[in-house]
Amino acid sequence: MPFLRFHAVEKSRLDLVGERLISEIVRTLGCPRETVVRGPIDSSFISGHEQFQAYPFVKVEYFKRPLEQQNAVAKIIFECLKEIGYPESDVYFSFLEKDCYYENGEVIK
């Protein structure tokens, strides 16, 4: 883990910083490289009957870690998005619980 879900970020632009993004997160969290997954999600923002320009919003799902690491990951994401032309972005952390996470039908330990 973590899973990074990028809303309103063009995949082609995200690909420009993808390698650095993952490398810096791996270094910060000390997790295996293959567990860091990024997924661009095509997003439209609608309020009432109005559709408006979507802004970059990143949801990070992972097992809870120290606040210092969380802050560092948020900064890495922000800086990478800024580099590819998104000067503003939001990052939200959602915590997975090990007793609710299954691999191959078995709860992880």
C-alpha atoms as a PDB file:
ATOM      1  CA  MET A   1       0.000   0.000   0.000  1.00  0.00           C
ATOM      2  CA  PRO A   2      -0.724   2.864  -0.621  1.00  0.00           C
ATOM      3  CA  PHE A   3      -3.299   3.200  -3.354  1.00  0.00           C
ATOM      4  CA  LEU A   4      -3.305   6.693  -4.875  1.00  0.00           C
ATOM      5  CA  ARG A   5      -6.438   7.626  -6.783  1.00  0.00           C
ATOM      6  CA  PHE A   6      -5.986  10.770  -8.862  1.00  0.00           C
ATOM      7  CA  HIS A   7      -9.201  12.579  -9.783  1.00  0.00           C
ATOM      8  CA  ALA A   8      -9.116  15.239 -12.525  1.00  0.00           C
ATOM      9  CA  VAL A   9      -5.459  14.619 -13.389  1.00  0.00           C
ATOM     10  CA  GLU A  10      -4.594  13.696 -16.967  1.00  0.00           C
ATOM     11  CA  LYS A  11      -2.856  10.319 -17.179  1.00  0.00           C
ATOM     12  CA  SER A  12      -0.372  11.578 -19.778  1.00  0.00           C
ATOM     13  CA  ARG A  13       0.716  14.381 -17.459  1.00  0.00           C
ATOM     14  CA  LEU A  14       0.817  12.107 -14.411  1.00  0.00           C
ATOM     15  CA  ASP A  15       3.053   9.708 -16.334  1.00  0.00           C
ATOM     16  CA  LEU A  16       5.681  12.484 -16.572  1.00  0.00           C
ATOM     17  CA  VAL A  17       6.265  12.371 -12.803  1.00  0.00           C
ATOM     18  CA  GLY A  18       5.059   8.837 -12.062  1.00  0.00           C
ATOM     19  CA  GLU A  19       8.476   7.300 -11.537  1.00  0.00           C
ATOM     20  CA  ARG A  20       9.651  10.060  -9.190  1.00  0.00           C
ATOM     21  CA  LEU A  21       6.331  10.063  -7.325  1.00  0.00           C
ATOM     22  CA  ILE A  22       6.535   6.344  -6.592  1.00  0.00           C
ATOM     23  CA  SER A  23      10.259   6.407  -5.760  1.00  0.00           C
ATOM     24  CA  GLU A  24       9.836   9.228  -3.255  1.00  0.00           C
ATOM     25  CA  ILE A  25       6.847   7.573  -1.605  1.00  0.00           C
ATOM     26  CA  VAL A  26       8.712   4.255  -1.337  1.00  0.00           C
ATOM     27  CA  ARG A  27      11.668   6.042   0.240  1.00  0.00           C
ATOM     28  CA  THR A  28       9.419   7.947   2.659  1.00  0.00           C
ATOM     29  CA  LEU A  29       7.279   5.010   3.770  1.00  0.00           C
ATOM     30  CA  GLY A  30       9.825   2.221   3.462  1.00  0.00           C
ATOM     31  CA  CYS A  31       7.279   0.047   1.676  1.00  0.00           C
ATOM     32  CA  PRO A  32       7.868  -2.335  -1.236  1.00  0.00           C
ATOM     33  CA  ARG A  33       7.728  -0.586  -4.610  1.00  0.00           C
ATOM     34  CA  GLU A  34       5.138  -2.993  -6.008  1.00  0.00           C
ATOM     35  CA  THR A  35       2.660  -2.008  -3.279  1.00  0.00           C
ATOM     36  CA  VAL A  36       2.459   1.636  -4.407  1.00  0.00           C
ATOM     37  CA  VAL A  37      -0.329   1.900  -6.959  1.00  0.00           C
ATOM     38  CA  ARG A  38      -1.426   5.044  -8.767  1.00  0.00           C
ATOM     39  CA  GLY A  39      -4.669   5.259 -10.629  1.00  0.00           C
ATOM     40  CA  PRO A  40      -5.874   8.236 -12.616  1.00  0.00           C
ATOM     41  CA  ILE A  41      -9.668   8.488 -12.546  1.00  0.00           C
ATOM     42  CA  ASP A  42     -11.563  10.477 -15.165  1.00  0.00           C
ATOM     43  CA  SER A  43     -13.657  12.885 -13.096  1.00  0.00           C
ATOM     44  CA  SER A  44     -16.385  15.433 -13.599  1.00  0.00           C
ATOM     45  CA  PHE A  45     -17.547  17.632 -10.752  1.00  0.00           C
ATOM     46  CA  ILE A  46     -21.251  18.416 -10.591  1.00  0.00           C
ATOM     47  CA  SER A  47     -23.079  20.558  -8.057  1.00  0.00           C
ATOM     48  CA  GLY A  48     -26.827  20.600  -8.411  1.00  0.00           C
ATOM     49  CA  HIS A  49     -27.390  20.867 -12.137  1.00  0.00           C
ATOM     50  CA  GLU A  50     -24.091  22.599 -12.889  1.00  0.00           C
ATOM     51  CA  GLN A  51     -20.947  20.887 -14.024  1.00  0.00           C
ATOM     52  CA  PHE A  52     -17.760  22.785 -13.260  1.00  0.00           C
ATOM     53  CA  GLN A  53     -14.051  22.455 -13.877  1.00  0.00           C
ATOM     54  CA  ALA A  54     -12.698  19.609 -11.790  1.00  0.00           C
ATOM     55  CA  TYR A  55      -9.594  20.256  -9.729  1.00  0.00           C
ATOM     56  CA  PRO A  56      -6.955  17.701  -8.775  1.00  0.00           C
ATOM     57  CA  PHE A  57      -8.078  15.634  -5.832  1.00  0.00           C
ATOM     58  CA  VAL A  58      -6.007  12.679  -4.666  1.00  0.00           C
ATOM     59  CA  LYS A  59      -7.346  10.020  -2.324  1.00  0.00           C
ATOM     60  CA  VAL A  60      -4.635   8.008  -0.601  1.00  0.00           C
ATOM     61  CA  GLU A  61      -5.751   4.713   0.902  1.00  0.00           C
ATOM     62  CA  TYR A  62      -3.258   2.948   3.157  1.00  0.00           C
ATOM     63  CA  PHE A  63      -2.635   1.473   6.569  1.00  0.00           C
ATOM     64  CA  LYS A  64      -2.202   4.304   9.077  1.00  0.00           C
ATOM     65  CA  ARG A  65       1.332   5.585   9.507  1.00  0.00           C
ATOM     66  CA  PRO A  66       2.940   8.334  11.595  1.00  0.00           C
ATOM     67  CA  LEU A  67       1.746  11.872  10.879  1.00  0.00           C
ATOM     68  CA  GLU A  68       5.247  12.906   9.744  1.00  0.00           C
ATOM     69  CA  GLN A  69       5.130  10.309   6.968  1.00  0.00           C
ATOM     70  CA  GLN A  70       1.593  11.318   6.018  1.00  0.00           C
ATOM     71  CA  ASN A  71       2.659  14.969   5.777  1.00  0.00           C
ATOM     72  CA  ALA A  72       5.641  13.995   3.630  1.00  0.00           C
ATOM     73  CA  VAL A  73       3.499  11.939   1.240  1.00  0.00           C
ATOM     74  CA  ALA A  74       1.018  14.807   0.863  1.00  0.00           C
ATOM     75  CA  LYS A  75       3.901  17.170   0.052  1.00  0.00           C
ATOM     76  CA  ILE A  76       5.374  14.741  -2.508  1.00  0.00           C
ATOM     77  CA  ILE A  77       1.993  14.485  -4.255  1.00  0.00           C
ATOM     78  CA  PHE A  78       1.490  18.262  -4.208  1.00  0.00           C
ATOM     79  CA  GLU A  79       4.976  18.972  -5.597  1.00  0.00           C
ATOM     80  CA  CYS A  80       4.630  16.387  -8.370  1.00  0.00           C
ATOM     81  CA  LEU A  81       1.242  17.761  -9.425  1.00  0.00           C
ATOM     82  CA  LYS A  82       2.557  21.310  -9.310  1.00  0.00           C
ATOM     83  CA  GLU A  83       5.436  20.292 -11.589  1.00  0.00           C
ATOM     84  CA  ILE A  84       3.030  19.029 -14.259  1.00  0.00           C
ATOM     85  CA  GLY A  85       0.843  22.113 -14.279  1.00  0.00           C
ATOM     86  CA  TYR A  86      -1.554  21.688 -11.381  1.00  0.00           C
ATOM     87  CA  PRO A  87      -0.650  24.539  -8.991  1.00  0.00           C
ATOM     88  CA  GLU A  88      -3.445  23.614  -6.562  1.00  0.00           C
ATOM     89  CA  SER A  89      -4.557  20.191  -5.391  1.00  0.00           C
ATOM     90  CA  ASP A  90      -6.234  18.443  -2.490  1.00  0.00           C
ATOM     91  CA  VAL A  91      -5.033  15.223  -0.852  1.00  0.00           C
ATOM     92  CA  TYR A  92      -7.171  13.094   1.442  1.00  0.00           C
ATOM     93  CA  PHE A  93      -5.970  10.095   3.458  1.00  0.00           C
ATOM     94  CA  SER A  94      -8.289   7.182   4.142  1.00  0.00           C
ATOM     95  CA  PHE A  95      -7.045   4.453   6.447  1.00  0.00           C
ATOM     96  CA  LEU A  96      -7.434   0.771   5.737  1.00  0.00           C
ATOM     97  CA  GLU A  97      -7.892  -1.634   8.635  1.00  0.00           C
ATOM     98  CA  LYS A  98      -5.999  -4.904   8.546  1.00  0.00           C
ATOM     99  CA  ASP A  99      -8.924  -6.918   9.905  1.00  0.00           C
ATOM    100  CA  CYS A 100     -11.039  -5.633   6.978  1.00  0.00           C
ATOM    101  CA  TYR A 101      -8.439  -6.273   4.246  1.00  0.00           C
ATOM    102  CA  TYR A 102      -8.337  -9.646   2.516  1.00  0.00           C
ATOM    103  CA  GLU A 103      -5.832 -11.128   0.092  1.00  0.00           C
ATOM    104  CA  ASN A 104      -6.946 -14.239  -1.765  1.00  0.00           C
ATOM    105  CA  GLY A 105      -9.928 -14.653   0.551  1.00  0.00           C
ATOM    106  CA  GLU A 106      -7.869 -14.466   3.744  1.00  0.00           C
ATOM    107  CA  VAL A 107      -7.602 -11.561   6.154  1.00  0.00           C
ATOM    108  CA  ILE A 108      -4.057 -10.215   6.183  1.00  0.00           C
ATOM    109  CA  LYS A 109      -2.014 -10.348   9.353  1.00  0.00           C
END
